[in-house]
Protein backbone atom coordinates (compact mmCIF):
# COMPACT_ATOMS: atom_id res chain seq x y z
CA UNK A 1 103.15 299.87 -132.44
CA UNK A 2 106.39 299.30 -130.49
CA UNK A 3 107.28 295.84 -129.23
CA UNK A 4 109.23 295.22 -125.84
CA UNK A 5 112.92 294.86 -125.98
CA UNK A 6 114.38 291.45 -125.69
CA UNK A 7 116.08 292.24 -122.43
CA UNK A 8 112.66 293.21 -120.76
CA UNK A 9 111.00 290.04 -122.23
CA UNK A 10 113.87 287.93 -120.76
CA UNK A 11 113.55 289.54 -117.28
CA UNK A 12 109.80 289.01 -117.28
CA UNK A 13 110.21 285.19 -118.35
CA UNK A 14 112.76 284.59 -115.69
CA UNK A 15 110.72 286.34 -112.96
CA UNK A 16 107.80 283.99 -114.07
CA UNK A 17 110.00 280.98 -113.88
CA UNK A 18 111.44 281.95 -110.30
CA UNK A 19 107.88 282.62 -108.97
CA UNK A 20 106.71 279.26 -110.37
CA UNK A 21 109.79 277.53 -108.98
CA UNK A 22 109.14 278.96 -105.52
CA UNK A 23 105.37 277.98 -105.73
CA UNK A 24 106.29 274.32 -106.55
CA UNK A 25 108.93 274.14 -103.71
CA UNK A 26 106.29 275.44 -101.21
CA UNK A 27 103.80 273.18 -102.39
CA UNK A 28 106.18 270.07 -102.02
CA UNK A 29 107.45 271.16 -98.77
CA UNK A 30 103.75 271.07 -97.61
CA UNK A 31 103.05 267.62 -98.98
CA UNK A 32 106.25 266.18 -97.43
CA UNK A 33 105.25 267.66 -94.00
CA UNK A 34 101.90 265.99 -94.05
CA UNK A 35 103.34 262.74 -95.39
CA UNK A 36 106.11 262.52 -92.87
CA UNK A 37 103.73 262.77 -89.99
CA UNK A 38 103.30 259.16 -88.56
CA UNK A 39 102.21 257.36 -85.41
CA UNK A 40 104.37 254.91 -83.68
CA UNK A 41 103.85 253.60 -80.05
CA UNK A 42 106.35 251.34 -78.24
CA UNK A 43 105.38 249.48 -75.32
CA UNK A 44 108.68 249.69 -73.47
CA UNK A 45 107.61 247.75 -70.38
CA UNK A 46 104.85 245.16 -69.65
CA UNK A 47 104.97 243.16 -66.66
CA UNK A 48 102.47 241.80 -63.74
CA UNK A 49 103.24 244.19 -60.82
CA UNK A 50 101.30 242.45 -58.25
CA UNK A 51 97.84 240.95 -57.30
CA UNK A 52 95.02 243.25 -56.05
CA UNK A 53 92.08 242.16 -54.01
CA UNK A 54 88.68 243.88 -54.27
CA UNK A 55 86.08 242.47 -52.12
CA UNK A 56 86.31 238.68 -52.58
CA UNK A 57 87.91 238.89 -56.04
CA UNK A 58 91.81 238.96 -56.77
CA UNK A 59 93.18 240.49 -59.82
CA UNK A 60 96.37 240.65 -61.69
CA UNK A 61 97.91 244.27 -62.00
CA UNK A 62 99.61 244.51 -65.18
CA UNK A 63 101.54 247.59 -65.93
CA UNK A 64 102.26 248.99 -69.35
CA UNK A 65 104.62 251.62 -70.11
CA UNK A 66 103.76 253.08 -73.57
CA UNK A 67 105.88 255.82 -75.41
CA UNK A 68 104.90 257.88 -78.69
CA UNK A 69 108.00 257.37 -80.70
CA UNK A 70 106.25 258.79 -83.74
CA UNK A 71 106.27 262.29 -85.21
CA UNK A 72 102.55 263.00 -84.53
CA UNK A 73 100.31 263.08 -81.52
CA UNK A 74 98.20 260.09 -81.12
CA UNK A 75 95.20 258.94 -78.98
CA UNK A 76 94.97 255.51 -77.20
CA UNK A 77 91.25 254.91 -77.12
CA UNK A 78 91.16 251.01 -76.37
CA UNK A 79 92.84 248.05 -74.87
CA UNK A 80 92.31 244.51 -76.13
CA UNK A 81 92.81 241.60 -73.98
CA UNK A 82 93.32 238.42 -76.14
CA UNK A 83 91.38 240.29 -78.86
CA UNK A 84 88.51 241.20 -76.77
CA UNK A 85 88.12 245.32 -76.50
CA UNK A 86 88.13 247.37 -73.42
CA UNK A 87 86.85 250.83 -74.00
CA UNK A 88 88.77 253.21 -71.89
CA UNK A 89 86.06 255.97 -71.89
CA UNK A 90 83.73 253.85 -69.70
CA UNK A 91 83.33 253.78 -65.92
CA UNK A 92 85.84 253.98 -63.16
CA UNK A 93 88.21 251.20 -62.41
CA UNK A 94 86.71 250.40 -58.81
CA UNK A 95 83.19 250.01 -60.11
CA UNK A 96 84.47 247.82 -62.98
CA UNK A 97 86.43 245.76 -60.50
CA UNK A 98 83.73 245.30 -58.12
CA UNK A 99 81.61 243.93 -61.11
CA UNK A 100 84.28 241.61 -61.80
CA UNK A 101 85.12 243.15 -65.24
CA UNK A 102 88.47 243.43 -66.71
CA UNK A 103 89.46 247.20 -67.11
CA UNK A 104 92.25 249.45 -67.72
CA UNK A 105 93.12 252.62 -65.65
CA UNK A 106 94.98 255.81 -65.57
CA UNK A 107 94.63 256.15 -69.39
CA UNK A 108 91.24 257.58 -70.57
CA UNK A 109 91.44 258.60 -74.17
CA UNK A 110 95.32 259.24 -73.48
CA UNK A 111 96.53 261.74 -75.79
CA UNK A 112 100.24 261.34 -76.44
CA UNK A 113 102.42 263.94 -78.07
CA UNK A 114 105.71 262.86 -79.85
CA UNK A 115 108.04 261.66 -77.13
CA UNK A 116 105.50 261.62 -74.29
CA UNK A 117 105.18 258.49 -72.19
CA UNK A 118 102.02 257.16 -70.31
CA UNK A 119 101.40 254.15 -67.89
CA UNK A 120 98.36 251.83 -68.36
CA UNK A 121 97.31 249.61 -65.59
CA UNK A 122 95.17 246.60 -66.78
CA UNK A 123 93.56 244.49 -64.17
CA UNK A 124 92.58 240.75 -64.97
CA UNK A 125 90.36 238.65 -62.78
CA UNK A 126 92.28 235.89 -61.14
CA UNK A 127 89.49 233.58 -59.94
CA UNK A 128 86.89 231.44 -61.63
CA UNK A 129 89.22 230.30 -64.25
CA UNK A 130 89.06 233.77 -65.92
CA UNK A 131 93.04 234.00 -65.90
CA UNK A 132 95.45 231.53 -64.27
CA UNK A 133 99.14 231.27 -63.50
CA UNK A 134 101.41 230.37 -66.42
CA UNK A 135 98.73 231.79 -69.01
CA UNK A 136 100.01 233.95 -71.77
CA UNK A 137 97.86 236.96 -72.35
CA UNK A 138 97.96 239.10 -75.39
CA UNK A 139 97.40 242.97 -74.53
CA UNK A 140 97.02 245.19 -77.63
CA UNK A 141 97.06 248.91 -77.20
CA UNK A 142 94.64 250.40 -79.97
CA UNK A 143 94.80 254.12 -81.28
CA UNK A 144 91.99 256.41 -82.59
CA UNK A 145 93.74 256.21 -86.04
CA UNK A 146 93.43 252.33 -86.05
CA UNK A 147 96.96 251.39 -85.04
CA UNK A 148 97.40 248.34 -82.89
CA UNK A 149 100.55 247.61 -80.81
CA UNK A 150 100.37 244.03 -79.24
CA UNK A 151 102.39 242.70 -76.19
CA UNK A 152 102.37 239.19 -74.80
CA UNK A 153 102.46 238.71 -71.01
CA UNK A 154 102.98 235.46 -68.90
CA UNK A 155 100.99 235.57 -65.76
CA UNK A 156 102.96 234.27 -62.70
């Protein structure tokens, strides 16, 4: 029985070591790609644009400009007004306003890719002591992954 030569044995061992090194490098690259994907929304502008009258009710129209500054796509699914949720997947804004319900528009489950911007309009009922001039309102943008991005606005 003949043994393999030391040169061939060395070549086989080096080949296996290189193959393992490549496999580990690809595995680590896969891990870092998934770990480095993150969500980050920035509210670049938040202001009361005007008042809107629907029927006998008057509303503050609040404009929120939201930009996805993260490296992964995200979905805005809710808006919180003073920690009370408004689900963006429900009814039209006009119907909600006629019923005197605070609502957000122009964003129904907004999917934002990295770098993409959207505008959210929030309507707050001005009458019946619901919201009044000088009041500070906390508006929080909530994402499907659980992220919360707050902004405080003073009503004029």
